[in-house]
Amino acid sequence: MGAAEFNRAIAFLWRRKRAYKLTFGSLSGQEVLMDLIKFCRATTTCAVPGDHDRTLIAEGRREVFLRITEHLHLNAEELYALYDGRNVQRLIGETEDA
């Protein structure tokens, strides 16, 4: 991937990240996130004993919640690395972009 293509990808991810922050950064957006935490099983197991299909549905919901939180907490370069299949690590105290 060339520098121009990389810069376009980063600009795209920055715009998308900004859209997520505008959507979920308000009080109403925070209320929606609180609902999604429960609905998407963000803090509990997705396993439904004895029901493979419901387990997969719950995992799909959780995956959507994780995508939202990735866009709220990672910067554009970290999102690019994550979606490029690389590990993302942030040093303690490191800040994210807007």
PDB file of N, CA and C in Angstrom:
ATOM      1  N   MET A   1       0.846  -1.167   0.000  1.00  0.00           N
ATOM      2  CA  MET A   1       0.000   0.000   0.000  1.00  0.00           C
ATOM      3  C   MET A   1       0.892   1.230   0.000  1.00  0.00           C
ATOM      4  N   GLY A   2       0.595   2.155  -0.887  1.00  0.00           N
ATOM      5  CA  GLY A   2       1.365   3.386  -0.991  1.00  0.00           C
ATOM      6  C   GLY A   2       0.955   4.404   0.063  1.00  0.00           C
ATOM      7  N   ALA A   3       1.773   5.450   0.182  1.00  0.00           N
ATOM      8  CA  ALA A   3       1.521   6.488   1.184  1.00  0.00           C
ATOM      9  C   ALA A   3       0.190   7.196   0.936  1.00  0.00           C
ATOM     10  N   ALA A   4      -0.143   7.485  -0.318  1.00  0.00           N
ATOM     11  CA  ALA A   4      -1.390   8.179  -0.627  1.00  0.00           C
ATOM     12  C   ALA A   4      -2.600   7.320  -0.243  1.00  0.00           C
ATOM     13  N   GLU A   5      -2.533   6.034  -0.563  1.00  0.00           N
ATOM     14  CA  GLU A   5      -3.631   5.125  -0.225  1.00  0.00           C
ATOM     15  C   GLU A   5      -3.775   5.005   1.291  1.00  0.00           C
ATOM     16  N   PHE A   6      -2.648   4.908   1.997  1.00  0.00           N
ATOM     17  CA  PHE A   6      -2.661   4.840   3.451  1.00  0.00           C
ATOM     18  C   PHE A   6      -3.294   6.106   4.030  1.00  0.00           C
ATOM     19  N   ASN A   7      -2.900   7.272   3.525  1.00  0.00           N
ATOM     20  CA  ASN A   7      -3.447   8.536   4.019  1.00  0.00           C
ATOM     21  C   ASN A   7      -4.943   8.636   3.774  1.00  0.00           C
ATOM     22  N   ARG A   8      -5.420   8.140   2.630  1.00  0.00           N
ATOM     23  CA  ARG A   8      -6.861   8.132   2.354  1.00  0.00           C
ATOM     24  C   ARG A   8      -7.582   7.218   3.354  1.00  0.00           C
ATOM     25  N   ALA A   9      -6.999   6.064   3.630  1.00  0.00           N
ATOM     26  CA  ALA A   9      -7.609   5.131   4.585  1.00  0.00           C
ATOM     27  C   ALA A   9      -7.677   5.753   5.980  1.00  0.00           C
ATOM     28  N   ILE A  10      -6.609   6.406   6.402  1.00  0.00           N
ATOM     29  CA  ILE A  10      -6.584   7.039   7.719  1.00  0.00           C
ATOM     30  C   ILE A  10      -7.610   8.167   7.783  1.00  0.00           C
ATOM     31  N   ALA A  11      -7.704   8.976   6.716  1.00  0.00           N
ATOM     32  CA  ALA A  11      -8.685  10.061   6.681  1.00  0.00           C
ATOM     33  C   ALA A  11     -10.105   9.503   6.759  1.00  0.00           C
ATOM     34  N   PHE A  12     -10.371   8.420   6.043  1.00  0.00           N
ATOM     35  CA  PHE A  12     -11.684   7.776   6.084  1.00  0.00           C
ATOM     36  C   PHE A  12     -12.000   7.298   7.497  1.00  0.00           C
ATOM     37  N   LEU A  13     -11.035   6.620   8.132  1.00  0.00           N
ATOM     38  CA  LEU A  13     -11.258   6.102   9.483  1.00  0.00           C
ATOM     39  C   LEU A  13     -11.433   7.238  10.488  1.00  0.00           C
ATOM     40  N   TRP A  14     -10.714   8.343  10.308  1.00  0.00           N
ATOM     41  CA  TRP A  14     -10.866   9.481  11.200  1.00  0.00           C
ATOM     42  C   TRP A  14     -12.283  10.051  11.094  1.00  0.00           C
ATOM     43  N   ARG A  15     -12.789  10.187   9.850  1.00  0.00           N
ATOM     44  CA  ARG A  15     -14.151  10.708   9.657  1.00  0.00           C
ATOM     45  C   ARG A  15     -15.187   9.763  10.272  1.00  0.00           C
ATOM     46  N   ARG A  16     -14.997   8.468  10.079  1.00  0.00           N
ATOM     47  CA  ARG A  16     -15.948   7.499  10.621  1.00  0.00           C
ATOM     48  C   ARG A  16     -15.891   7.506  12.148  1.00  0.00           C
ATOM     49  N   LYS A  17     -14.685   7.577  12.720  1.00  0.00           N
ATOM     50  CA  LYS A  17     -14.526   7.643  14.162  1.00  0.00           C
ATOM     51  C   LYS A  17     -15.246   8.879  14.705  1.00  0.00           C
ATOM     52  N   ARG A  18     -15.089  10.016  14.024  1.00  0.00           N
ATOM     53  CA  ARG A  18     -15.746  11.261  14.447  1.00  0.00           C
ATOM     54  C   ARG A  18     -17.269  11.084  14.437  1.00  0.00           C
ATOM     55  N   ALA A  19     -17.785  10.418  13.423  1.00  0.00           N
ATOM     56  CA  ALA A  19     -19.232  10.177  13.341  1.00  0.00           C
ATOM     57  C   ALA A  19     -19.708   9.322  14.521  1.00  0.00           C
ATOM     58  N   TYR A  20     -18.943   8.301  14.872  1.00  0.00           N
ATOM     59  CA  TYR A  20     -19.295   7.461  16.023  1.00  0.00           C
ATOM     60  C   TYR A  20     -19.284   8.305  17.300  1.00  0.00           C
ATOM     61  N   LYS A  21     -18.258   9.148  17.463  1.00  0.00           N
ATOM     62  CA  LYS A  21     -18.149   9.976  18.670  1.00  0.00           C
ATOM     63  C   LYS A  21     -19.296  10.977  18.748  1.00  0.00           C
ATOM     64  N   LEU A  22     -19.676  11.568  17.621  1.00  0.00           N
ATOM     65  CA  LEU A  22     -20.803  12.499  17.625  1.00  0.00           C
ATOM     66  C   LEU A  22     -22.108  11.771  17.960  1.00  0.00           C
ATOM     67  N   THR A  23     -22.254  10.576  17.447  1.00  0.00           N
ATOM     68  CA  THR A  23     -23.467   9.798  17.678  1.00  0.00           C
ATOM     69  C   THR A  23     -23.574   9.321  19.125  1.00  0.00           C
ATOM     70  N   PHE A  24     -22.509   8.762  19.659  1.00  0.00           N
ATOM     71  CA  PHE A  24     -22.573   8.143  20.984  1.00  0.00           C
ATOM     72  C   PHE A  24     -22.007   9.011  22.101  1.00  0.00           C
ATOM     73  N   GLY A  25     -21.493  10.196  21.776  1.00  0.00           N
ATOM     74  CA  GLY A  25     -20.904  11.058  22.783  1.00  0.00           C
ATOM     75  C   GLY A  25     -21.899  11.935  23.527  1.00  0.00           C
ATOM     76  N   SER A  26     -23.104  12.043  23.021  1.00  0.00           N
ATOM     77  CA  SER A  26     -24.129  12.858  23.684  1.00  0.00           C
ATOM     78  C   SER A  26     -24.740  12.076  24.844  1.00  0.00           C
ATOM     79  N   LEU A  27     -25.545  12.764  25.653  1.00  0.00           N
ATOM     80  CA  LEU A  27     -26.243  12.075  26.743  1.00  0.00           C
ATOM     81  C   LEU A  27     -27.171  10.996  26.200  1.00  0.00           C
ATOM     82  N   SER A  28     -27.866  11.314  25.106  1.00  0.00           N
ATOM     83  CA  SER A  28     -28.750  10.312  24.488  1.00  0.00           C
ATOM     84  C   SER A  28     -27.942   9.127  23.962  1.00  0.00           C
ATOM     85  N   GLY A  29     -26.795   9.430  23.332  1.00  0.00           N
ATOM     86  CA  GLY A  29     -25.934   8.367  22.833  1.00  0.00           C
ATOM     87  C   GLY A  29     -25.414   7.484  23.949  1.00  0.00           C
ATOM     88  N   GLN A  30     -25.091   8.087  25.086  1.00  0.00           N
ATOM     89  CA  GLN A  30     -24.630   7.315  26.241  1.00  0.00           C
ATOM     90  C   GLN A  30     -25.747   6.420  26.778  1.00  0.00           C
ATOM     91  N   GLU A  31     -26.979   6.918  26.739  1.00  0.00           N
ATOM     92  CA  GLU A  31     -28.119   6.111  27.167  1.00  0.00           C
ATOM     93  C   GLU A  31     -28.296   4.897  26.242  1.00  0.00           C
ATOM     94  N   VAL A  32     -28.122   5.126  24.947  1.00  0.00           N
ATOM     95  CA  VAL A  32     -28.202   4.013  23.987  1.00  0.00           C
ATOM     96  C   VAL A  32     -27.102   2.995  24.276  1.00  0.00           C
ATOM     97  N   LEU A  33     -25.880   3.469  24.529  1.00  0.00           N
ATOM     98  CA  LEU A  33     -24.782   2.549  24.838  1.00  0.00           C
ATOM     99  C   LEU A  33     -25.080   1.722  26.076  1.00  0.00           C
ATOM    100  N   MET A  34     -25.668   2.330  27.096  1.00  0.00           N
ATOM    101  CA  MET A  34     -26.017   1.587  28.309  1.00  0.00           C
ATOM    102  C   MET A  34     -27.009   0.470  27.984  1.00  0.00           C
ATOM    103  N   ASP A  35     -27.964   0.751  27.110  1.00  0.00           N
ATOM    104  CA  ASP A  35     -28.917  -0.275  26.685  1.00  0.00           C
ATOM    105  C   ASP A  35     -28.198  -1.365  25.893  1.00  0.00           C
ATOM    106  N   LEU A  36     -27.290  -0.946  25.000  1.00  0.00           N
ATOM    107  CA  LEU A  36     -26.579  -1.922  24.176  1.00  0.00           C
ATOM    108  C   LEU A  36     -25.652  -2.813  25.009  1.00  0.00           C
ATOM    109  N   ILE A  37     -25.113  -2.289  26.100  1.00  0.00           N
ATOM    110  CA  ILE A  37     -24.271  -3.115  26.975  1.00  0.00           C
ATOM    111  C   ILE A  37     -25.051  -4.344  27.419  1.00  0.00           C
ATOM    112  N   LYS A  38     -26.307  -4.149  27.797  1.00  0.00           N
ATOM    113  CA  LYS A  38     -27.154  -5.277  28.232  1.00  0.00           C
ATOM    114  C   LYS A  38     -27.553  -6.147  27.040  1.00  0.00           C
ATOM    115  N   PHE A  39     -28.095  -5.501  26.011  1.00  0.00           N
ATOM    116  CA  PHE A  39     -28.619  -6.234  24.861  1.00  0.00           C
ATOM    117  C   PHE A  39     -27.542  -7.039  24.141  1.00  0.00           C
ATOM    118  N   CYS A  40     -26.337  -6.480  24.063  1.00  0.00           N
ATOM    119  CA  CYS A  40     -25.257  -7.124  23.310  1.00  0.00           C
ATOM    120  C   CYS A  40     -24.382  -8.019  24.181  1.00  0.00           C
ATOM    121  N   ARG A  41     -24.743  -8.176  25.447  1.00  0.00           N
ATOM    122  CA  ARG A  41     -23.958  -8.992  26.380  1.00  0.00           C
ATOM    123  C   ARG A  41     -22.496  -8.558  26.398  1.00  0.00           C
ATOM    124  N   ALA A  42     -22.291  -7.260  26.471  1.00  0.00           N
ATOM    125  CA  ALA A  42     -20.941  -6.705  26.412  1.00  0.00           C
ATOM    126  C   ALA A  42     -20.091  -7.107  27.610  1.00  0.00           C
ATOM    127  N   THR A  43     -20.715  -7.352  28.750  1.00  0.00           N
ATOM    128  CA  THR A  43     -19.952  -7.656  29.964  1.00  0.00           C
ATOM    129  C   THR A  43     -20.239  -9.042  30.521  1.00  0.00           C
ATOM    130  N   THR A  44     -20.960  -9.842  29.755  1.00  0.00           N
ATOM    131  CA  THR A  44     -21.265 -11.212  30.194  1.00  0.00           C
ATOM    132  C   THR A  44     -20.955 -12.181  29.059  1.00  0.00           C
ATOM    133  N   THR A  45     -20.991 -13.440  29.387  1.00  0.00           N
ATOM    134  CA  THR A  45     -20.716 -14.451  28.371  1.00  0.00           C
ATOM    135  C   THR A  45     -21.815 -14.478  27.309  1.00  0.00           C
ATOM    136  N   CYS A  46     -21.426 -14.831  26.113  1.00  0.00           N
ATOM    137  CA  CYS A  46     -22.387 -14.967  25.021  1.00  0.00           C
ATOM    138  C   CYS A  46     -22.913 -16.395  24.915  1.00  0.00           C
ATOM    139  N   ALA A  47     -22.312 -17.293  25.651  1.00  0.00           N
ATOM    140  CA  ALA A  47     -22.694 -18.706  25.569  1.00  0.00           C
ATOM    141  C   ALA A  47     -24.100 -18.928  26.119  1.00  0.00           C
ATOM    142  N   VAL A  48     -24.909 -19.611  25.322  1.00  0.00           N
ATOM    143  CA  VAL A  48     -26.238 -20.043  25.758  1.00  0.00           C
ATOM    144  C   VAL A  48     -26.169 -21.567  25.789  1.00  0.00           C
ATOM    145  N   PRO A  49     -26.007 -22.151  26.979  1.00  0.00           N
ATOM    146  CA  PRO A  49     -25.832 -23.599  27.077  1.00  0.00           C
ATOM    147  C   PRO A  49     -26.922 -24.372  26.335  1.00  0.00           C
ATOM    148  N   GLY A  50     -26.472 -25.285  25.491  1.00  0.00           N
ATOM    149  CA  GLY A  50     -27.391 -26.142  24.760  1.00  0.00           C
ATOM    150  C   GLY A  50     -28.043 -25.497  23.548  1.00  0.00           C
ATOM    151  N   ASP A  51     -27.699 -24.259  23.226  1.00  0.00           N
ATOM    152  CA  ASP A  51     -28.321 -23.593  22.087  1.00  0.00           C
ATOM    153  C   ASP A  51     -27.261 -22.868  21.259  1.00  0.00           C
ATOM    154  N   HIS A  52     -26.706 -23.601  20.300  1.00  0.00           N
ATOM    155  CA  HIS A  52     -25.629 -23.093  19.451  1.00  0.00           C
ATOM    156  C   HIS A  52     -26.059 -21.858  18.667  1.00  0.00           C
ATOM    157  N   ASP A  53     -27.268 -21.881  18.125  1.00  0.00           N
ATOM    158  CA  ASP A  53     -27.758 -20.754  17.321  1.00  0.00           C
ATOM    159  C   ASP A  53     -27.879 -19.477  18.151  1.00  0.00           C
ATOM    160  N   ARG A  54     -28.466 -19.563  19.342  1.00  0.00           N
ATOM    161  CA  ARG A  54     -28.602 -18.379  20.196  1.00  0.00           C
ATOM    162  C   ARG A  54     -27.243 -17.876  20.662  1.00  0.00           C
ATOM    163  N   THR A  55     -26.289 -18.778  20.845  1.00  0.00           N
ATOM    164  CA  THR A  55     -24.927 -18.365  21.203  1.00  0.00           C
ATOM    165  C   THR A  55     -24.325 -17.539  20.082  1.00  0.00           C
ATOM    166  N   LEU A  56     -24.489 -17.995  18.846  1.00  0.00           N
ATOM    167  CA  LEU A  56     -23.942 -17.255  17.706  1.00  0.00           C
ATOM    168  C   LEU A  56     -24.633 -15.904  17.520  1.00  0.00           C
ATOM    169  N   ILE A  57     -25.927 -15.846  17.754  1.00  0.00           N
ATOM    170  CA  ILE A  57     -26.651 -14.576  17.666  1.00  0.00           C
ATOM    171  C   ILE A  57     -26.116 -13.612  18.720  1.00  0.00           C
ATOM    172  N   ALA A  58     -25.938 -14.090  19.939  1.00  0.00           N
ATOM    173  CA  ALA A  58     -25.415 -13.247  21.019  1.00  0.00           C
ATOM    174  C   ALA A  58     -23.999 -12.772  20.701  1.00  0.00           C
ATOM    175  N   GLU A  59     -23.187 -13.625  20.133  1.00  0.00           N
ATOM    176  CA  GLU A  59     -21.815 -13.234  19.769  1.00  0.00           C
ATOM    177  C   GLU A  59     -21.832 -12.183  18.666  1.00  0.00           C
ATOM    178  N   GLY A  60     -22.770 -12.282  17.737  1.00  0.00           N
ATOM    179  CA  GLY A  60     -22.900 -11.268  16.688  1.00  0.00           C
ATOM    180  C   GLY A  60     -23.276  -9.912  17.272  1.00  0.00           C
ATOM    181  N   ARG A  61     -24.170  -9.909  18.232  1.00  0.00           N
ATOM    182  CA  ARG A  61     -24.537  -8.658  18.901  1.00  0.00           C
ATOM    183  C   ARG A  61     -23.317  -8.064  19.610  1.00  0.00           C
ATOM    184  N   ARG A  62     -22.583  -8.917  20.288  1.00  0.00           N
ATOM    185  CA  ARG A  62     -21.400  -8.453  21.020  1.00  0.00           C
ATOM    186  C   ARG A  62     -20.359  -7.872  20.066  1.00  0.00           C
ATOM    187  N   GLU A  63     -20.219  -8.480  18.903  1.00  0.00           N
ATOM    188  CA  GLU A  63     -19.264  -7.994  17.908  1.00  0.00           C
ATOM    189  C   GLU A  63     -19.621  -6.566  17.468  1.00  0.00           C
ATOM    190  N   VAL A  64     -20.896  -6.286  17.305  1.00  0.00           N
ATOM    191  CA  VAL A  64     -21.326  -4.936  16.936  1.00  0.00           C
ATOM    192  C   VAL A  64     -20.983  -3.960  18.054  1.00  0.00           C
ATOM    193  N   PHE A  65     -21.245  -4.332  19.303  1.00  0.00           N
ATOM    194  CA  PHE A  65     -20.912  -3.457  20.420  1.00  0.00           C
ATOM    195  C   PHE A  65     -19.408  -3.183  20.468  1.00  0.00           C
ATOM    196  N   LEU A  66     -18.603  -4.203  20.234  1.00  0.00           N
ATOM    197  CA  LEU A  66     -17.150  -4.020  20.237  1.00  0.00           C
ATOM    198  C   LEU A  66     -16.718  -3.060  19.137  1.00  0.00           C
ATOM    199  N   ARG A  67     -17.339  -3.146  17.987  1.00  0.00           N
ATOM    200  CA  ARG A  67     -16.997  -2.221  16.895  1.00  0.00           C
ATOM    201  C   ARG A  67     -17.281  -0.774  17.302  1.00  0.00           C
ATOM    202  N   ILE A  68     -18.423  -0.559  17.939  1.00  0.00           N
ATOM    203  CA  ILE A  68     -18.759   0.787  18.396  1.00  0.00           C
ATOM    204  C   ILE A  68     -17.709   1.280  19.386  1.00  0.00           C
ATOM    205  N   THR A  69     -17.368   0.473  20.367  1.00  0.00           N
ATOM    206  CA  THR A  69     -16.408   0.917  21.377  1.00  0.00           C
ATOM    207  C   THR A  69     -15.004   1.076  20.799  1.00  0.00           C
ATOM    208  N   GLU A  70     -14.656   0.286  19.801  1.00  0.00           N
ATOM    209  CA  GLU A  70     -13.363   0.490  19.125  1.00  0.00           C
ATOM    210  C   GLU A  70     -13.303   1.890  18.521  1.00  0.00           C
ATOM    211  N   HIS A  71     -14.378   2.288  17.861  1.00  0.00           N
ATOM    212  CA  HIS A  71     -14.404   3.601  17.217  1.00  0.00           C
ATOM    213  C   HIS A  71     -14.458   4.741  18.235  1.00  0.00           C
ATOM    214  N   LEU A  72     -14.929   4.465  19.421  1.00  0.00           N
ATOM    215  CA  LEU A  72     -14.965   5.498  20.447  1.00  0.00           C
ATOM    216  C   LEU A  72     -13.629   5.648  21.171  1.00  0.00           C
ATOM    217  N   HIS A  73     -12.828   4.577  21.210  1.00  0.00           N
ATOM    218  CA  HIS A  73     -11.639   4.586  22.063  1.00  0.00           C
ATOM    219  C   HIS A  73     -10.297   4.446  21.344  1.00  0.00           C
ATOM    220  N   LEU A  74     -10.298   4.042  20.096  1.00  0.00           N
ATOM    221  CA  LEU A  74      -9.042   3.916  19.359  1.00  0.00           C
ATOM    222  C   LEU A  74      -8.890   5.085  18.400  1.00  0.00           C
ATOM    223  N   ASN A  75      -7.651   5.491  18.131  1.00  0.00           N
ATOM    224  CA  ASN A  75      -7.454   6.538  17.130  1.00  0.00           C
ATOM    225  C   ASN A  75      -7.454   5.911  15.735  1.00  0.00           C
ATOM    226  N   ALA A  76      -7.421   6.730  14.706  1.00  0.00           N
ATOM    227  CA  ALA A  76      -7.541   6.236  13.327  1.00  0.00           C
ATOM    228  C   ALA A  76      -6.425   5.258  12.974  1.00  0.00           C
ATOM    229  N   GLU A  77      -5.201   5.532  13.415  1.00  0.00           N
ATOM    230  CA  GLU A  77      -4.084   4.636  13.115  1.00  0.00           C
ATOM    231  C   GLU A  77      -4.268   3.279  13.797  1.00  0.00           C
ATOM    232  N   GLU A  78      -4.783   3.296  15.037  1.00  0.00           N
ATOM    233  CA  GLU A  78      -5.038   2.035  15.748  1.00  0.00           C
ATOM    234  C   GLU A  78      -6.165   1.254  15.078  1.00  0.00           C
ATOM    235  N   LEU A  79      -7.208   1.962  14.636  1.00  0.00           N
ATOM    236  CA  LEU A  79      -8.291   1.288  13.913  1.00  0.00           C
ATOM    237  C   LEU A  79      -7.767   0.644  12.638  1.00  0.00           C
ATOM    238  N   TYR A  80      -6.922   1.376  11.920  1.00  0.00           N
ATOM    239  CA  TYR A  80      -6.338   0.841  10.684  1.00  0.00           C
ATOM    240  C   TYR A  80      -5.549  -0.432  10.994  1.00  0.00           C
ATOM    241  N   ALA A  81      -4.726  -0.387  12.028  1.00  0.00           N
ATOM    242  CA  ALA A  81      -3.927  -1.555  12.397  1.00  0.00           C
ATOM    243  C   ALA A  81      -4.830  -2.726  12.784  1.00  0.00           C
ATOM    244  N   LEU A  82      -5.871  -2.441  13.544  1.00  0.00           N
ATOM    245  CA  LEU A  82      -6.791  -3.491  13.975  1.00  0.00           C
ATOM    246  C   LEU A  82      -7.469  -4.144  12.778  1.00  0.00           C
ATOM    247  N   TYR A  83      -7.977  -3.329  11.854  1.00  0.00           N
ATOM    248  CA  TYR A  83      -8.678  -3.868  10.695  1.00  0.00           C
ATOM    249  C   TYR A  83      -7.723  -4.471   9.671  1.00  0.00           C
ATOM    250  N   ASP A  84      -6.440  -4.167   9.811  1.00  0.00           N
ATOM    251  CA  ASP A  84      -5.407  -4.763   8.960  1.00  0.00           C
ATOM    252  C   ASP A  84      -4.888  -6.074   9.560  1.00  0.00           C
ATOM    253  N   GLY A  85      -5.482  -6.474  10.693  1.00  0.00           N
ATOM    254  CA  GLY A  85      -5.112  -7.750  11.311  1.00  0.00           C
ATOM    255  C   GLY A  85      -3.910  -7.682  12.226  1.00  0.00           C
ATOM    256  N   ARG A  86      -3.497  -6.476  12.587  1.00  0.00           N
ATOM    257  CA  ARG A  86      -2.353  -6.336  13.493  1.00  0.00           C
ATOM    258  C   ARG A  86      -2.823  -6.100  14.920  1.00  0.00           C
ATOM    259  N   ASN A  87      -1.964  -6.396  15.869  1.00  0.00           N
ATOM    260  CA  ASN A  87      -2.259  -6.178  17.276  1.00  0.00           C
ATOM    261  C   ASN A  87      -2.176  -4.684  17.590  1.00  0.00           C
ATOM    262  N   VAL A  88      -3.074  -4.197  18.418  1.00  0.00           N
ATOM    263  CA  VAL A  88      -3.080  -2.791  18.800  1.00  0.00           C
ATOM    264  C   VAL A  88      -2.757  -2.714  20.284  1.00  0.00           C
ATOM    265  N   GLN A  89      -1.709  -1.971  20.603  1.00  0.00           N
ATOM    266  CA  GLN A  89      -1.348  -1.754  21.998  1.00  0.00           C
ATOM    267  C   GLN A  89      -1.177  -0.269  22.216  1.00  0.00           C
ATOM    268  N   ARG A  90      -1.677   0.199  23.333  1.00  0.00           N
ATOM    269  CA  ARG A  90      -1.555   1.614  23.684  1.00  0.00           C
ATOM    270  C   ARG A  90      -0.814   1.689  25.006  1.00  0.00           C
ATOM    271  N   LEU A  91       0.125   2.607  25.088  1.00  0.00           N
ATOM    272  CA  LEU A  91       0.854   2.801  26.319  1.00  0.00           C
ATOM    273  C   LEU A  91      -0.022   3.540  27.324  1.00  0.00           C
ATOM    274  N   ILE A  92       0.148   3.251  28.600  1.00  0.00           N
ATOM    275  CA  ILE A  92      -0.613   3.934  29.633  1.00  0.00           C
ATOM    276  C   ILE A  92      -0.337   5.429  29.536  1.00  0.00           C
ATOM    277  N   GLY A  93      -1.397   6.218  29.570  1.00  0.00           N
ATOM    278  CA  GLY A  93      -1.268   7.661  29.491  1.00  0.00           C
ATOM    279  C   GLY A  93      -1.301   8.198  28.073  1.00  0.00           C
ATOM    280  N   GLU A  94      -1.243   7.336  27.085  1.00  0.00           N
ATOM    281  CA  GLU A  94      -1.290   7.766  25.675  1.00  0.00           C
ATOM    282  C   GLU A  94      -2.700   8.241  25.374  1.00  0.00           C
ATOM    283  N   THR A  95      -2.844   9.288  24.587  1.00  0.00           N
ATOM    284  CA  THR A  95      -4.154   9.824  24.272  1.00  0.00           C
ATOM    285  C   THR A  95      -4.578   9.429  22.882  1.00  0.00           C
ATOM    286  N   GLU A  96      -5.880   9.538  22.633  1.00  0.00           N
ATOM    287  CA  GLU A  96      -6.431   9.242  21.311  1.00  0.00           C
ATOM    288  C   GLU A  96      -6.693  10.531  20.575  1.00  0.00           C
ATOM    289  N   ASP A  97      -6.911  10.432  19.257  1.00  0.00           N
ATOM    290  CA  ASP A  97      -7.257  11.628  18.501  1.00  0.00           C
ATOM    291  C   ASP A  97      -8.745  11.918  18.633  1.00  0.00           C
ATOM    292  N   ALA A  98      -9.174  13.070  18.171  1.00  0.00           N
ATOM    293  CA  ALA A  98     -10.586  13.478  18.340  1.00  0.00           C
ATOM    294  C   ALA A  98     -11.512  12.692  17.477  1.00  0.00           C
TER     295      ALA A  98
END
